[in-house]
PDB file of N, CA and C in Angstrom:
ATOM      1  N   MET A   1     232.754 138.593 225.095  1.00  0.00           N
ATOM      2  CA  MET A   1     231.721 137.586 225.312  1.00  0.00           C
ATOM      3  C   MET A   1     230.972 137.895 226.606  1.00  0.00           C
ATOM      4  N   ILE A   2     229.699 137.664 226.609  1.00  0.00           N
ATOM      5  CA  ILE A   2     228.855 137.924 227.769  1.00  0.00           C
ATOM      6  C   ILE A   2     228.685 136.652 228.580  1.00  0.00           C
ATOM      7  N   GLY A   3     228.928 136.736 229.874  1.00  0.00           N
ATOM      8  CA  GLY A   3     228.647 135.607 230.757  1.00  0.00           C
ATOM      9  C   GLY A   3     229.344 134.337 230.325  1.00  0.00           C
ATOM     10  N   THR A   4     228.572 133.279 230.198  1.00  0.00           N
ATOM     11  CA  THR A   4     229.112 131.988 229.793  1.00  0.00           C
ATOM     12  C   THR A   4     228.287 131.442 228.646  1.00  0.00           C
ATOM     13  N   ASP A   5     228.719 130.325 228.135  1.00  0.00           N
ATOM     14  CA  ASP A   5     227.944 129.639 227.100  1.00  0.00           C
ATOM     15  C   ASP A   5     227.056 128.571 227.731  1.00  0.00           C
ATOM     16  N   LYS A   6     226.766 128.734 229.019  1.00  0.00           N
ATOM     17  CA  LYS A   6     225.992 127.720 229.736  1.00  0.00           C
ATOM     18  C   LYS A   6     224.502 128.081 229.703  1.00  0.00           C
ATOM     19  N   LEU A   7     223.732 127.240 229.025  1.00  0.00           N
ATOM     20  CA  LEU A   7     222.280 127.383 228.963  1.00  0.00           C
ATOM     21  C   LEU A   7     221.689 126.487 230.046  1.00  0.00           C
ATOM     22  N   VAL A   8     220.812 127.045 230.887  1.00  0.00           N
ATOM     23  CA  VAL A   8     220.301 126.294 232.037  1.00  0.00           C
ATOM     24  C   VAL A   8     218.780 126.378 232.155  1.00  0.00           C
ATOM     25  N   LEU A   9     218.236 125.375 232.837  1.00  0.00           N
ATOM     26  CA  LEU A   9     216.847 125.350 233.273  1.00  0.00           C
ATOM     27  C   LEU A   9     216.902 125.399 234.797  1.00  0.00           C
ATOM     28  N   ILE A  10     216.265 126.409 235.383  1.00  0.00           N
ATOM     29  CA  ILE A  10     216.283 126.576 236.835  1.00  0.00           C
ATOM     30  C   ILE A  10     214.882 126.349 237.385  1.00  0.00           C
ATOM     31  N   HIS A  11     214.778 125.449 238.353  1.00  0.00           N
ATOM     32  CA  HIS A  11     213.545 125.244 239.110  1.00  0.00           C
ATOM     33  C   HIS A  11     213.715 126.052 240.398  1.00  0.00           C
ATOM     34  N   TRP A  12     212.746 126.939 240.685  1.00  0.00           N
ATOM     35  CA  TRP A  12     212.892 127.784 241.860  1.00  0.00           C
ATOM     36  C   TRP A  12     211.533 128.176 242.414  1.00  0.00           C
ATOM     37  N   ILE A  13     211.542 128.703 243.634  1.00  0.00           N
ATOM     38  CA  ILE A  13     210.304 129.115 244.291  1.00  0.00           C
ATOM     39  C   ILE A  13     210.306 130.633 244.419  1.00  0.00           C
ATOM     40  N   ASP A  14     209.239 131.255 243.933  1.00  0.00           N
ATOM     41  CA  ASP A  14     209.086 132.714 243.984  1.00  0.00           C
ATOM     42  C   ASP A  14     208.113 133.089 245.097  1.00  0.00           C
ATOM     43  N   ALA A  15     208.184 134.316 245.516  1.00  0.00           N
ATOM     44  CA  ALA A  15     207.244 134.832 246.516  1.00  0.00           C
ATOM     45  C   ALA A  15     205.850 134.953 245.903  1.00  0.00           C
ATOM     46  N   ARG A  16     204.847 134.902 246.742  1.00  0.00           N
ATOM     47  CA  ARG A  16     203.465 135.005 246.274  1.00  0.00           C
ATOM     48  C   ARG A  16     202.640 135.716 247.345  1.00  0.00           C
ATOM     49  N   ASP A  17     201.719 136.588 246.915  1.00  0.00           N
ATOM     50  CA  ASP A  17     200.780 137.216 247.841  1.00  0.00           C
ATOM     51  C   ASP A  17     199.720 136.204 248.254  1.00  0.00           C
ATOM     52  N   VAL A  18     199.171 136.411 249.414  1.00  0.00           N
ATOM     53  CA  VAL A  18     198.056 135.585 249.879  1.00  0.00           C
ATOM     54  C   VAL A  18     196.774 136.222 249.375  1.00  0.00           C
ATOM     55  N   GLY A  19     196.027 135.470 248.581  1.00  0.00           N
ATOM     56  CA  GLY A  19     194.723 135.942 248.102  1.00  0.00           C
ATOM     57  C   GLY A  19     194.782 137.270 247.386  1.00  0.00           C
ATOM     58  N   ASP A  20     193.861 138.148 247.741  1.00  0.00           N
ATOM     59  CA  ASP A  20     193.708 139.433 247.051  1.00  0.00           C
ATOM     60  C   ASP A  20     194.252 140.612 247.855  1.00  0.00           C
ATOM     61  N   SER A  21     195.221 140.381 248.718  1.00  0.00           N
ATOM     62  CA  SER A  21     195.908 141.414 249.501  1.00  0.00           C
ATOM     63  C   SER A  21     195.006 142.126 250.512  1.00  0.00           C
ATOM     64  N   GLN A  22     193.953 141.461 250.947  1.00  0.00           N
ATOM     65  CA  GLN A  22     193.114 142.015 252.008  1.00  0.00           C
ATOM     66  C   GLN A  22     193.370 141.206 253.278  1.00  0.00           C
ATOM     67  N   TRP A  23     192.438 141.211 254.205  1.00  0.00           N
ATOM     68  CA  TRP A  23     192.565 140.428 255.427  1.00  0.00           C
ATOM     69  C   TRP A  23     192.363 138.950 255.120  1.00  0.00           C
ATOM     70  N   HIS A  24     193.088 138.069 255.853  1.00  0.00           N
ATOM     71  CA  HIS A  24     193.039 136.633 255.591  1.00  0.00           C
ATOM     72  C   HIS A  24     192.966 135.870 256.900  1.00  0.00           C
ATOM     73  N   SER A  25     192.353 134.716 256.828  1.00  0.00           N
ATOM     74  CA  SER A  25     192.343 133.836 258.003  1.00  0.00           C
ATOM     75  C   SER A  25     193.718 133.193 258.146  1.00  0.00           C
ATOM     76  N   ARG A  26     194.042 132.773 259.352  1.00  0.00           N
ATOM     77  CA  ARG A  26     195.314 132.082 259.595  1.00  0.00           C
ATOM     78  C   ARG A  26     195.402 130.832 258.717  1.00  0.00           C
ATOM     79  N   THR A  27     194.288 130.114 258.549  1.00  0.00           N
ATOM     80  CA  THR A  27     194.273 128.904 257.730  1.00  0.00           C
ATOM     81  C   THR A  27     194.644 129.221 256.286  1.00  0.00           C
ATOM     82  N   GLU A  28     194.061 130.292 255.743  1.00  0.00           N
ATOM     83  CA  GLU A  28     194.370 130.673 254.365  1.00  0.00           C
ATOM     84  C   GLU A  28     195.857 131.006 254.216  1.00  0.00           C
ATOM     85  N   VAL A  29     196.419 131.706 255.194  1.00  0.00           N
ATOM     86  CA  VAL A  29     197.835 132.049 255.149  1.00  0.00           C
ATOM     87  C   VAL A  29     198.687 130.781 255.199  1.00  0.00           C
ATOM     88  N   GLU A  30     198.355 129.881 256.126  1.00  0.00           N
ATOM     89  CA  GLU A  30     199.131 128.649 256.273  1.00  0.00           C
ATOM     90  C   GLU A  30     199.058 127.755 255.044  1.00  0.00           C
ATOM     91  N   GLU A  31     197.958 127.813 254.299  1.00  0.00           N
ATOM     92  CA  GLU A  31     197.768 126.952 253.132  1.00  0.00           C
ATOM     93  C   GLU A  31     198.319 127.552 251.833  1.00  0.00           C
ATOM     94  N   THR A  32     198.762 128.807 251.874  1.00  0.00           N
ATOM     95  CA  THR A  32     199.307 129.449 250.676  1.00  0.00           C
ATOM     96  C   THR A  32     200.798 129.163 250.581  1.00  0.00           C
ATOM     97  N   ASN A  33     201.216 128.639 249.431  1.00  0.00           N
ATOM     98  CA  ASN A  33     202.617 128.302 249.188  1.00  0.00           C
ATOM     99  C   ASN A  33     203.246 129.275 248.207  1.00  0.00           C
ATOM    100  N   GLY A  34     204.567 129.242 248.143  1.00  0.00           N
ATOM    101  CA  GLY A  34     205.269 130.026 247.134  1.00  0.00           C
ATOM    102  C   GLY A  34     204.913 129.516 245.747  1.00  0.00           C
ATOM    103  N   ALA A  35     205.260 130.289 244.737  1.00  0.00           N
ATOM    104  CA  ALA A  35     204.980 129.921 243.348  1.00  0.00           C
ATOM    105  C   ALA A  35     206.157 129.118 242.795  1.00  0.00           C
ATOM    106  N   TYR A  36     205.906 127.900 242.367  1.00  0.00           N
ATOM    107  CA  TYR A  36     206.950 127.058 241.785  1.00  0.00           C
ATOM    108  C   TYR A  36     207.170 127.486 240.339  1.00  0.00           C
ATOM    109  N   MET A  37     208.413 127.854 240.020  1.00  0.00           N
ATOM    110  CA  MET A  37     208.739 128.428 238.720  1.00  0.00           C
ATOM    111  C   MET A  37     209.787 127.599 237.997  1.00  0.00           C
ATOM    112  N   LYS A  38     209.800 127.725 236.657  1.00  0.00           N
ATOM    113  CA  LYS A  38     210.863 127.192 235.813  1.00  0.00           C
ATOM    114  C   LYS A  38     211.310 128.339 234.917  1.00  0.00           C
ATOM    115  N   SER A  39     212.609 128.579 234.861  1.00  0.00           N
ATOM    116  CA  SER A  39     213.164 129.624 234.001  1.00  0.00           C
ATOM    117  C   SER A  39     214.310 129.038 233.196  1.00  0.00           C
ATOM    118  N   VAL A  40     214.402 129.449 231.930  1.00  0.00           N
ATOM    119  CA  VAL A  40     215.468 129.002 231.034  1.00  0.00           C
ATOM    120  C   VAL A  40     216.244 130.228 230.572  1.00  0.00           C
ATOM    121  N   GLY A  41     217.562 130.112 230.574  1.00  0.00           N
ATOM    122  CA  GLY A  41     218.362 131.228 230.077  1.00  0.00           C
ATOM    123  C   GLY A  41     219.843 130.925 230.096  1.00  0.00           C
ATOM    124  N   TRP A  42     220.597 131.847 229.534  1.00  0.00           N
ATOM    125  CA  TRP A  42     222.049 131.781 229.504  1.00  0.00           C
ATOM    126  C   TRP A  42     222.567 132.410 230.780  1.00  0.00           C
ATOM    127  N   VAL A  43     223.486 131.722 231.472  1.00  0.00           N
ATOM    128  CA  VAL A  43     224.053 132.259 232.708  1.00  0.00           C
ATOM    129  C   VAL A  43     224.922 133.465 232.360  1.00  0.00           C
ATOM    130  N   ILE A  44     224.561 134.627 232.907  1.00  0.00           N
ATOM    131  CA  ILE A  44     225.318 135.855 232.685  1.00  0.00           C
ATOM    132  C   ILE A  44     226.291 136.084 233.833  1.00  0.00           C
ATOM    133  N   HIS A  45     225.803 135.820 235.045  1.00  0.00           N
ATOM    134  CA  HIS A  45     226.647 136.018 236.228  1.00  0.00           C
ATOM    135  C   HIS A  45     226.065 135.201 237.376  1.00  0.00           C
ATOM    136  N   GLU A  46     226.942 134.622 238.176  1.00  0.00           N
ATOM    137  CA  GLU A  46     226.483 133.840 239.315  1.00  0.00           C
ATOM    138  C   GLU A  46     227.372 134.151 240.511  1.00  0.00           C
ATOM    139  N   THR A  47     226.725 134.398 241.660  1.00  0.00           N
ATOM    140  CA  THR A  47     227.442 134.628 242.908  1.00  0.00           C
ATOM    141  C   THR A  47     226.878 133.685 243.964  1.00  0.00           C
ATOM    142  N   GLN A  48     227.397 133.797 245.159  1.00  0.00           N
ATOM    143  CA  GLN A  48     226.901 132.997 246.276  1.00  0.00           C
ATOM    144  C   GLN A  48     225.446 133.360 246.593  1.00  0.00           C
ATOM    145  N   ASN A  49     225.043 134.596 246.270  1.00  0.00           N
ATOM    146  CA  ASN A  49     223.704 135.083 246.630  1.00  0.00           C
ATOM    147  C   ASN A  49     222.671 134.986 245.526  1.00  0.00           C
ATOM    148  N   GLU A  50     223.100 135.001 244.261  1.00  0.00           N
ATOM    149  CA  GLU A  50     222.122 135.023 243.174  1.00  0.00           C
ATOM    150  C   GLU A  50     222.710 134.493 241.875  1.00  0.00           C
ATOM    151  N   ILE A  51     221.796 134.108 240.977  1.00  0.00           N
ATOM    152  CA  ILE A  51     222.184 133.718 239.622  1.00  0.00           C
ATOM    153  C   ILE A  51     221.393 134.598 238.658  1.00  0.00           C
ATOM    154  N   LYS A  52     222.085 135.119 237.652  1.00  0.00           N
ATOM    155  CA  LYS A  52     221.454 136.013 236.672  1.00  0.00           C
ATOM    156  C   LYS A  52     221.482 135.315 235.322  1.00  0.00           C
ATOM    157  N   ILE A  53     220.296 135.132 234.731  1.00  0.00           N
ATOM    158  CA  ILE A  53     220.192 134.488 233.420  1.00  0.00           C
ATOM    159  C   ILE A  53     219.464 135.409 232.457  1.00  0.00           C
ATOM    160  N   SER A  54     219.844 135.328 231.187  1.00  0.00           N
ATOM    161  CA  SER A  54     219.180 136.100 230.136  1.00  0.00           C
ATOM    162  C   SER A  54     218.680 135.155 229.056  1.00  0.00           C
ATOM    163  N   ALA A  55     217.474 135.422 228.587  1.00  0.00           N
ATOM    164  CA  ALA A  55     216.883 134.600 227.532  1.00  0.00           C
ATOM    165  C   ALA A  55     217.470 134.933 226.166  1.00  0.00           C
ATOM    166  N   ASP A  56     217.943 136.163 226.012  1.00  0.00           N
ATOM    167  CA  ASP A  56     218.473 136.605 224.721  1.00  0.00           C
ATOM    168  C   ASP A  56     219.893 137.134 224.898  1.00  0.00           C
ATOM    169  N   ILE A  57     220.840 136.563 224.143  1.00  0.00           N
ATOM    170  CA  ILE A  57     222.223 137.030 224.166  1.00  0.00           C
ATOM    171  C   ILE A  57     222.700 137.206 222.724  1.00  0.00           C
ATOM    172  N   PRO A  58     223.662 138.102 222.501  1.00  0.00           N
ATOM    173  CA  PRO A  58     224.130 138.355 221.140  1.00  0.00           C
ATOM    174  C   PRO A  58     225.098 137.283 220.647  1.00  0.00           C
ATOM    175  N   THR A  59     225.187 137.141 219.335  1.00  0.00           N
ATOM    176  CA  THR A  59     226.193 136.246 218.748  1.00  0.00           C
ATOM    177  C   THR A  59     227.474 137.018 218.448  1.00  0.00           C
ATOM    178  N   ASP A  60     227.385 138.338 218.338  1.00  0.00           N
ATOM    179  CA  ASP A  60     228.547 139.197 218.090  1.00  0.00           C
ATOM    180  C   ASP A  60     229.330 139.359 219.392  1.00  0.00           C
ATOM    181  N   PRO A  61     230.587 138.914 219.451  1.00  0.00           N
ATOM    182  CA  PRO A  61     231.358 138.990 220.689  1.00  0.00           C
ATOM    183  C   PRO A  61     231.622 140.418 221.174  1.00  0.00           C
ATOM    184  N   ASP A  62     231.462 141.416 220.294  1.00  0.00           N
ATOM    185  CA  ASP A  62     231.667 142.811 220.689  1.00  0.00           C
ATOM    186  C   ASP A  62     230.403 143.463 221.233  1.00  0.00           C
ATOM    187  N   ASP A  63     229.274 142.785 221.116  1.00  0.00           N
ATOM    188  CA  ASP A  63     227.990 143.304 221.609  1.00  0.00           C
ATOM    189  C   ASP A  63     227.814 142.855 223.056  1.00  0.00           C
ATOM    190  N   ASP A  64     227.555 143.785 223.966  1.00  0.00           N
ATOM    191  CA  ASP A  64     227.442 143.413 225.383  1.00  0.00           C
ATOM    192  C   ASP A  64     226.032 143.582 225.948  1.00  0.00           C
ATOM    193  N   GLU A  65     225.033 143.676 225.077  1.00  0.00           N
ATOM    194  CA  GLU A  65     223.662 143.834 225.555  1.00  0.00           C
ATOM    195  C   GLU A  65     222.941 142.490 225.551  1.00  0.00           C
ATOM    196  N   VAL A  66     222.118 142.279 226.589  1.00  0.00           N
ATOM    197  CA  VAL A  66     221.323 141.058 226.716  1.00  0.00           C
ATOM    198  C   VAL A  66     219.871 141.436 226.936  1.00  0.00           C
ATOM    199  N   GLY A  67     218.968 140.476 226.771  1.00  0.00           N
ATOM    200  CA  GLY A  67     217.550 140.771 226.934  1.00  0.00           C
ATOM    201  C   GLY A  67     216.843 139.743 227.792  1.00  0.00           C
ATOM    202  N   ARG A  68     215.735 140.191 228.374  1.00  0.00           N
ATOM    203  CA  ARG A  68     214.862 139.354 229.210  1.00  0.00           C
ATOM    204  C   ARG A  68     215.665 138.648 230.306  1.00  0.00           C
ATOM    205  N   THR A  69     216.286 139.458 231.153  1.00  0.00           N
ATOM    206  CA  THR A  69     217.139 138.951 232.226  1.00  0.00           C
ATOM    207  C   THR A  69     216.341 138.743 233.508  1.00  0.00           C
ATOM    208  N   THR A  70     216.632 137.647 234.194  1.00  0.00           N
ATOM    209  CA  THR A  70     216.005 137.318 235.476  1.00  0.00           C
ATOM    210  C   THR A  70     217.098 137.141 236.520  1.00  0.00           C
ATOM    211  N   VAL A  71     216.907 137.761 237.678  1.00  0.00           N
ATOM    212  CA  VAL A  71     217.821 137.602 238.803  1.00  0.00           C
ATOM    213  C   VAL A  71     217.104 136.734 239.839  1.00  0.00           C
ATOM    214  N   ILE A  72     217.682 135.582 240.145  1.00  0.00           N
ATOM    215  CA  ILE A  72     217.052 134.623 241.056  1.00  0.00           C
ATOM    216  C   ILE A  72     217.932 134.461 242.291  1.00  0.00           C
ATOM    217  N   PRO A  73     217.391 134.725 243.488  1.00  0.00           N
ATOM    218  CA  PRO A  73     218.173 134.504 244.702  1.00  0.00           C
ATOM    219  C   PRO A  73     218.531 133.020 244.847  1.00  0.00           C
ATOM    220  N   GLN A  74     219.783 132.725 245.203  1.00  0.00           N
ATOM    221  CA  GLN A  74     220.224 131.340 245.339  1.00  0.00           C
ATOM    222  C   GLN A  74     219.388 130.577 246.367  1.00  0.00           C
ATOM    223  N   GLY A  75     218.909 131.254 247.394  1.00  0.00           N
ATOM    224  CA  GLY A  75     218.095 130.594 248.408  1.00  0.00           C
ATOM    225  C   GLY A  75     216.759 130.092 247.888  1.00  0.00           C
ATOM    226  N   CYS A  76     216.333 130.597 246.730  1.00  0.00           N
ATOM    227  CA  CYS A  76     215.067 130.179 246.118  1.00  0.00           C
ATOM    228  C   CYS A  76     215.253 129.036 245.124  1.00  0.00           C
ATOM    229  N   VAL A  77     216.492 128.775 244.728  1.00  0.00           N
ATOM    230  CA  VAL A  77     216.791 127.764 243.710  1.00  0.00           C
ATOM    231  C   VAL A  77     216.672 126.365 244.301  1.00  0.00           C
ATOM    232  N   LYS A  78     215.914 125.517 243.624  1.00  0.00           N
ATOM    233  CA  LYS A  78     215.767 124.115 244.021  1.00  0.00           C
ATOM    234  C   LYS A  78     216.638 123.202 243.179  1.00  0.00           C
ATOM    235  N   GLU A  79     216.792 123.548 241.888  1.00  0.00           N
ATOM    236  CA  GLU A  79     217.585 122.696 240.985  1.00  0.00           C
ATOM    237  C   GLU A  79     218.022 123.512 239.779  1.00  0.00           C
ATOM    238  N   ILE A  80     219.233 123.245 239.299  1.00  0.00           N
ATOM    239  CA  ILE A  80     219.740 123.847 238.060  1.00  0.00           C
ATOM    240  C   ILE A  80     220.199 122.703 237.162  1.00  0.00           C
ATOM    241  N   LYS A  81     219.654 122.666 235.941  1.00  0.00           N
ATOM    242  CA  LYS A  81     220.057 121.659 234.952  1.00  0.00           C
ATOM    243  C   LYS A  81     220.701 122.380 233.777  1.00  0.00           C
ATOM    244  N   GLU A  82     221.887 121.935 233.407  1.00  0.00           N
ATOM    245  CA  GLU A  82     222.526 122.488 232.212  1.00  0.00           C
ATOM    246  C   GLU A  82     221.911 121.839 230.984  1.00  0.00           C
ATOM    247  N   LEU A  83     221.566 122.648 230.002  1.00  0.00           N
ATOM    248  CA  LEU A  83     220.920 122.146 228.780  1.00  0.00           C
ATOM    249  C   LEU A  83     221.925 122.044 227.641  1.00  0.00           C
TER     250      LEU A  83
END
């Protein structure tokens, strides 16, 4: 079996570039926020530093491949809801 049978919705903040990656005013930098994200997936592995979720997991217990995996740093996580 891969990971757990825990399906979750994670609210988290991702990094974001300021504007178009050229020179920016201090005001523009100060007004740019991280990107608020929502991700859904099966918990594959979780540590103190990160949580790894996959959108696609096999039903065959002998199959160990997963698909569309996201690794989210724990410091970016705002909320985790079990579905």
